[in-house]
Amino acid sequence: MNRARIQELIEQRMSQRKGLYQVTLQDATHFTLNGHPYLLKKNYREAFNGDSLADRFSPLLTKYDYIVGDWGYDQLRLRGFYAKPGQGEEEQGVGCINDYLMEECNFGCPYFIIQNLEVAHPKRPRKPRTRRRGRAEISEEKKPLKEPALSKRRHQEVRRVKGKGNRTKLVVRTRKDD
């Protein structure tokens, strides 16, 4: 793909997402995104822009307690963080927001932190329980196959042959029918 084709695909994707989400400001720190309430905790260098947030927002971000938006190369990047430890990976805890801003964002870039006031935790699929109580267990015993004694086999011939030392061996050969 050449650069013009990639830019064309980006513009096509942006036009599809345009108007998908609506941001309505209630006051300087409270706003709703499609009726879902959020609180603006920090707005470093006036980075918060409701229209840009609405264009870049994804429904996957509703499961996070905090969302950090940072600007780099005129693009808004959003990343979610959990408030309680143990909900996600260690890097997704609220204590790692400063590490994220220092290590993964451009130095001195404008950023904002918003708090999700109604977190929509995804439901985890339940594992079906297995019933053990009251179920009769069926056990099958394997019976070894019984072969007839060597002397009673009609299609085979059995001979005793001297082996090494004083040992004798039984040699079983299939009879040839003439």
C-alpha atoms as a PDB file:
ATOM      1  CA  MET A   1       0.000   0.000   0.000  1.00  0.00           C
ATOM      2  CA  ASN A   2       1.238   3.431  -0.766  1.00  0.00           C
ATOM      3  CA  ARG A   3       0.902   6.456   1.470  1.00  0.00           C
ATOM      4  CA  ALA A   4      -1.983   7.988  -0.498  1.00  0.00           C
ATOM      5  CA  ARG A   5      -4.049   4.787  -0.189  1.00  0.00           C
ATOM      6  CA  ILE A   6      -3.424   4.615   3.568  1.00  0.00           C
ATOM      7  CA  GLN A   7      -4.464   8.252   4.005  1.00  0.00           C
ATOM      8  CA  GLU A   8      -7.603   7.563   1.956  1.00  0.00           C
ATOM      9  CA  LEU A   9      -8.523   4.622   4.220  1.00  0.00           C
ATOM     10  CA  ILE A  10      -7.949   6.751   7.339  1.00  0.00           C
ATOM     11  CA  GLU A  11     -10.228   9.495   6.029  1.00  0.00           C
ATOM     12  CA  GLN A  12     -12.877   6.918   5.099  1.00  0.00           C
ATOM     13  CA  ARG A  13     -12.768   5.458   8.624  1.00  0.00           C
ATOM     14  CA  MET A  14     -12.998   8.916  10.202  1.00  0.00           C
ATOM     15  CA  SER A  15     -16.047   9.794   8.090  1.00  0.00           C
ATOM     16  CA  GLN A  16     -17.751   6.554   9.198  1.00  0.00           C
ATOM     17  CA  ARG A  17     -17.127   7.334  12.888  1.00  0.00           C
ATOM     18  CA  LYS A  18     -18.186  10.991  12.623  1.00  0.00           C
ATOM     19  CA  GLY A  19     -21.280  11.647  14.720  1.00  0.00           C
ATOM     20  CA  LEU A  20     -21.258   8.217  16.352  1.00  0.00           C
ATOM     21  CA  TYR A  21     -20.729   9.720  19.844  1.00  0.00           C
ATOM     22  CA  GLN A  22     -22.005  13.020  21.250  1.00  0.00           C
ATOM     23  CA  VAL A  23     -20.348  14.957  24.091  1.00  0.00           C
ATOM     24  CA  THR A  24     -22.520  17.349  26.111  1.00  0.00           C
ATOM     25  CA  LEU A  25     -20.810  19.579  28.677  1.00  0.00           C
ATOM     26  CA  GLN A  26     -22.718  20.087  31.940  1.00  0.00           C
ATOM     27  CA  ASP A  27     -20.151  22.367  33.606  1.00  0.00           C
ATOM     28  CA  ALA A  28     -16.373  22.892  33.557  1.00  0.00           C
ATOM     29  CA  THR A  29     -15.574  19.403  34.896  1.00  0.00           C
ATOM     30  CA  HIS A  30     -18.677  17.258  34.254  1.00  0.00           C
ATOM     31  CA  PHE A  31     -19.824  16.008  30.868  1.00  0.00           C
ATOM     32  CA  THR A  32     -21.699  13.099  29.334  1.00  0.00           C
ATOM     33  CA  LEU A  33     -20.725  10.991  26.364  1.00  0.00           C
ATOM     34  CA  ASN A  34     -23.879   9.484  24.826  1.00  0.00           C
ATOM     35  CA  GLY A  35     -25.604   9.851  28.199  1.00  0.00           C
ATOM     36  CA  HIS A  36     -22.752   8.224  30.144  1.00  0.00           C
ATOM     37  CA  PRO A  37     -21.368  10.558  32.887  1.00  0.00           C
ATOM     38  CA  TYR A  38     -17.670  11.449  33.155  1.00  0.00           C
ATOM     39  CA  LEU A  39     -15.631  13.796  35.342  1.00  0.00           C
ATOM     40  CA  LEU A  40     -12.635  15.745  34.023  1.00  0.00           C
ATOM     41  CA  LYS A  41      -9.942  15.230  36.702  1.00  0.00           C
ATOM     42  CA  LYS A  42      -6.978  16.955  35.025  1.00  0.00           C
ATOM     43  CA  ASN A  43      -6.670  19.074  31.903  1.00  0.00           C
ATOM     44  CA  TYR A  44      -2.959  19.737  31.315  1.00  0.00           C
ATOM     45  CA  ARG A  45      -2.337  22.480  28.719  1.00  0.00           C
ATOM     46  CA  GLU A  46      -6.032  22.633  27.774  1.00  0.00           C
ATOM     47  CA  ALA A  47      -5.854  19.242  26.065  1.00  0.00           C
ATOM     48  CA  PHE A  48      -9.526  18.306  26.505  1.00  0.00           C
ATOM     49  CA  ASN A  49     -11.632  18.724  23.375  1.00  0.00           C
ATOM     50  CA  GLY A  50     -15.090  17.136  23.431  1.00  0.00           C
ATOM     51  CA  ASP A  51     -15.384  16.779  19.659  1.00  0.00           C
ATOM     52  CA  SER A  52     -12.003  15.050  19.338  1.00  0.00           C
ATOM     53  CA  LEU A  53     -12.875  12.745  22.238  1.00  0.00           C
ATOM     54  CA  ALA A  54     -16.168  11.828  20.565  1.00  0.00           C
ATOM     55  CA  ASP A  55     -14.357  11.054  17.299  1.00  0.00           C
ATOM     56  CA  ARG A  56     -11.754   8.774  18.918  1.00  0.00           C
ATOM     57  CA  PHE A  57     -13.895   7.144  21.629  1.00  0.00           C
ATOM     58  CA  SER A  58     -14.533   3.404  21.570  1.00  0.00           C
ATOM     59  CA  PRO A  59     -17.110   1.417  23.584  1.00  0.00           C
ATOM     60  CA  LEU A  60     -14.243  -0.708  24.938  1.00  0.00           C
ATOM     61  CA  LEU A  61     -13.183   2.250  27.083  1.00  0.00           C
ATOM     62  CA  THR A  62     -16.393   2.164  29.165  1.00  0.00           C
ATOM     63  CA  LYS A  63     -14.987  -0.684  31.282  1.00  0.00           C
ATOM     64  CA  TYR A  64     -12.143   1.480  32.650  1.00  0.00           C
ATOM     65  CA  ASP A  65     -12.385   3.726  35.719  1.00  0.00           C
ATOM     66  CA  TYR A  66      -9.991   6.339  34.302  1.00  0.00           C
ATOM     67  CA  ILE A  67      -9.215   7.300  30.707  1.00  0.00           C
ATOM     68  CA  VAL A  68      -6.098   9.234  29.759  1.00  0.00           C
ATOM     69  CA  GLY A  69      -6.048  11.165  26.508  1.00  0.00           C
ATOM     70  CA  ASP A  70      -2.770  12.547  25.191  1.00  0.00           C
ATOM     71  CA  TRP A  71      -1.963  14.509  22.069  1.00  0.00           C
ATOM     72  CA  GLY A  72       0.987  13.612  19.863  1.00  0.00           C
ATOM     73  CA  TYR A  73       1.533  14.653  16.242  1.00  0.00           C
ATOM     74  CA  ASP A  74      -1.962  16.220  16.161  1.00  0.00           C
ATOM     75  CA  GLN A  75      -3.628  12.919  17.063  1.00  0.00           C
ATOM     76  CA  LEU A  76      -5.506  12.046  20.228  1.00  0.00           C
ATOM     77  CA  ARG A  77      -4.566   8.742  21.846  1.00  0.00           C
ATOM     78  CA  LEU A  78      -6.820   7.225  24.528  1.00  0.00           C
ATOM     79  CA  ARG A  79      -5.862   4.626  27.118  1.00  0.00           C
ATOM     80  CA  GLY A  80      -7.866   3.178  30.000  1.00  0.00           C
ATOM     81  CA  PHE A  81      -6.839   2.420  33.586  1.00  0.00           C
ATOM     82  CA  TYR A  82      -8.561   0.560  36.443  1.00  0.00           C
ATOM     83  CA  ALA A  83      -9.028   2.083  39.919  1.00  0.00           C
ATOM     84  CA  LYS A  84      -8.701  -1.157  41.895  1.00  0.00           C
ATOM     85  CA  PRO A  85      -5.571  -3.276  41.693  1.00  0.00           C
ATOM     86  CA  GLY A  86      -6.078  -6.767  40.349  1.00  0.00           C
ATOM     87  CA  GLN A  87      -8.789  -5.905  37.812  1.00  0.00           C
ATOM     88  CA  GLY A  88      -6.371  -5.996  34.906  1.00  0.00           C
ATOM     89  CA  GLU A  89      -2.668  -6.212  34.345  1.00  0.00           C
ATOM     90  CA  GLU A  90      -0.267  -4.286  36.573  1.00  0.00           C
ATOM     91  CA  GLU A  91       0.291  -1.643  33.876  1.00  0.00           C
ATOM     92  CA  GLN A  92      -3.449  -0.880  33.825  1.00  0.00           C
ATOM     93  CA  GLY A  93      -3.727   0.261  37.443  1.00  0.00           C
ATOM     94  CA  VAL A  94      -4.410   3.883  38.353  1.00  0.00           C
ATOM     95  CA  GLY A  95      -0.970   4.080  39.986  1.00  0.00           C
ATOM     96  CA  CYS A  96       0.674   3.621  36.589  1.00  0.00           C
ATOM     97  CA  ILE A  97      -0.823   6.742  34.981  1.00  0.00           C
ATOM     98  CA  ASN A  98       2.263   8.836  35.807  1.00  0.00           C
ATOM     99  CA  ASP A  99       4.544   6.106  34.432  1.00  0.00           C
ATOM    100  CA  TYR A 100       2.479   6.036  31.239  1.00  0.00           C
ATOM    101  CA  LEU A 101       2.683   9.821  30.860  1.00  0.00           C
ATOM    102  CA  MET A 102       6.455   9.890  31.454  1.00  0.00           C
ATOM    103  CA  GLU A 103       7.463   6.840  29.416  1.00  0.00           C
ATOM    104  CA  GLU A 104       5.002   6.466  26.550  1.00  0.00           C
ATOM    105  CA  CYS A 105       3.841  10.016  25.838  1.00  0.00           C
ATOM    106  CA  ASN A 106       5.830  12.766  24.173  1.00  0.00           C
ATOM    107  CA  PHE A 107       7.675  14.968  26.657  1.00  0.00           C
ATOM    108  CA  GLY A 108       5.478  17.892  27.699  1.00  0.00           C
ATOM    109  CA  CYS A 109       2.556  16.851  25.518  1.00  0.00           C
ATOM    110  CA  PRO A 110      -0.926  18.078  26.410  1.00  0.00           C
ATOM    111  CA  TYR A 111      -3.050  15.449  28.147  1.00  0.00           C
ATOM    112  CA  PHE A 112      -6.232  15.031  30.149  1.00  0.00           C
ATOM    113  CA  ILE A 113      -7.510  12.484  32.661  1.00  0.00           C
ATOM    114  CA  ILE A 114     -11.215  11.711  32.918  1.00  0.00           C
ATOM    115  CA  GLN A 115     -12.974   9.543  35.484  1.00  0.00           C
ATOM    116  CA  ASN A 116     -15.771   7.212  34.462  1.00  0.00           C
ATOM    117  CA  LEU A 117     -18.600   7.711  36.970  1.00  0.00           C
ATOM    118  CA  GLU A 118     -20.619   4.662  35.859  1.00  0.00           C
ATOM    119  CA  VAL A 119     -18.199   1.901  34.964  1.00  0.00           C
ATOM    120  CA  ALA A 120     -19.703  -0.834  32.796  1.00  0.00           C
ATOM    121  CA  HIS A 121     -17.791  -3.926  33.876  1.00  0.00           C
ATOM    122  CA  PRO A 122     -18.029  -6.642  31.225  1.00  0.00           C
ATOM    123  CA  LYS A 123     -19.706  -9.841  32.326  1.00  0.00           C
ATOM    124  CA  ARG A 124     -17.362 -12.771  32.390  1.00  0.00           C
ATOM    125  CA  PRO A 125     -18.760 -15.976  30.988  1.00  0.00           C
ATOM    126  CA  ARG A 126     -19.456 -18.514  33.696  1.00  0.00           C
ATOM    127  CA  LYS A 127     -17.987 -21.934  33.491  1.00  0.00           C
ATOM    128  CA  PRO A 128     -20.651 -24.613  33.604  1.00  0.00           C
ATOM    129  CA  ARG A 129     -20.604 -26.566  36.829  1.00  0.00           C
ATOM    130  CA  THR A 130     -20.207 -30.281  36.610  1.00  0.00           C
ATOM    131  CA  ARG A 131     -22.540 -32.422  38.628  1.00  0.00           C
ATOM    132  CA  ARG A 132     -20.871 -35.139  40.580  1.00  0.00           C
ATOM    133  CA  ARG A 133     -23.361 -35.815  43.299  1.00  0.00           C
ATOM    134  CA  GLY A 134     -26.095 -38.307  42.497  1.00  0.00           C
ATOM    135  CA  ARG A 135     -24.592 -39.415  39.224  1.00  0.00           C
ATOM    136  CA  ALA A 136     -23.988 -43.124  38.918  1.00  0.00           C
ATOM    137  CA  GLU A 137     -20.540 -43.872  37.687  1.00  0.00           C
ATOM    138  CA  ILE A 138     -20.255 -46.521  35.028  1.00  0.00           C
ATOM    139  CA  SER A 139     -17.069 -48.467  35.105  1.00  0.00           C
ATOM    140  CA  GLU A 140     -16.078 -50.873  32.421  1.00  0.00           C
ATOM    141  CA  GLU A 141     -13.509 -53.519  33.087  1.00  0.00           C
ATOM    142  CA  LYS A 142     -11.314 -54.600  30.257  1.00  0.00           C
ATOM    143  CA  LYS A 143     -11.112 -58.328  29.959  1.00  0.00           C
ATOM    144  CA  PRO A 144      -7.993 -59.785  28.416  1.00  0.00           C
ATOM    145  CA  LEU A 145      -8.479 -61.796  25.249  1.00  0.00           C
ATOM    146  CA  LYS A 146      -8.126 -65.484  25.819  1.00  0.00           C
ATOM    147  CA  GLU A 147      -6.256 -67.390  23.175  1.00  0.00           C
ATOM    148  CA  PRO A 148      -6.409 -71.166  23.027  1.00  0.00           C
ATOM    149  CA  ALA A 149      -3.490 -73.125  24.399  1.00  0.00           C
ATOM    150  CA  LEU A 150      -0.564 -73.651  22.033  1.00  0.00           C
ATOM    151  CA  SER A 151      -1.298 -77.360  21.661  1.00  0.00           C
ATOM    152  CA  LYS A 152      -4.902 -76.689  20.562  1.00  0.00           C
ATOM    153  CA  ARG A 153      -4.182 -74.170  17.832  1.00  0.00           C
ATOM    154  CA  ARG A 154      -5.099 -75.741  14.516  1.00  0.00           C
ATOM    155  CA  HIS A 155      -3.693 -73.150  12.134  1.00  0.00           C
ATOM    156  CA  GLN A 156      -0.306 -72.932  13.871  1.00  0.00           C
ATOM    157  CA  GLU A 157       2.502 -75.399  14.442  1.00  0.00           C
ATOM    158  CA  VAL A 158       4.412 -75.427  17.724  1.00  0.00           C
ATOM    159  CA  ARG A 159       7.899 -76.960  18.085  1.00  0.00           C
ATOM    160  CA  ARG A 160      10.401 -77.087  20.882  1.00  0.00           C
ATOM    161  CA  VAL A 161      13.855 -75.939  19.869  1.00  0.00           C
ATOM    162  CA  LYS A 162      17.048 -76.043  21.902  1.00  0.00           C
ATOM    163  CA  GLY A 163      18.256 -72.589  22.797  1.00  0.00           C
ATOM    164  CA  LYS A 164      21.464 -71.386  24.341  1.00  0.00           C
ATOM    165  CA  GLY A 165      22.634 -73.522  27.184  1.00  0.00           C
ATOM    166  CA  ASN A 166      20.004 -75.813  28.675  1.00  0.00           C
ATOM    167  CA  ARG A 167      17.058 -73.651  27.660  1.00  0.00           C
ATOM    168  CA  THR A 168      14.327 -74.685  25.262  1.00  0.00           C
ATOM    169  CA  LYS A 169      12.233 -72.333  23.166  1.00  0.00           C
ATOM    170  CA  LEU A 170       8.795 -72.664  21.706  1.00  0.00           C
ATOM    171  CA  VAL A 171       8.616 -71.599  18.072  1.00  0.00           C
ATOM    172  CA  VAL A 172       5.149 -70.881  16.702  1.00  0.00           C
ATOM    173  CA  ARG A 173       4.779 -70.974  12.909  1.00  0.00           C
ATOM    174  CA  THR A 174       1.752 -70.683  10.725  1.00  0.00           C
ATOM    175  CA  ARG A 175       0.939 -73.944   8.967  1.00  0.00           C
ATOM    176  CA  LYS A 176       1.055 -73.986   5.241  1.00  0.00           C
ATOM    177  CA  ASP A 177      -1.908 -75.627   3.611  1.00  0.00           C
ATOM    178  CA  ASP A 178      -0.925 -77.671   0.569  1.00  0.00           C
END
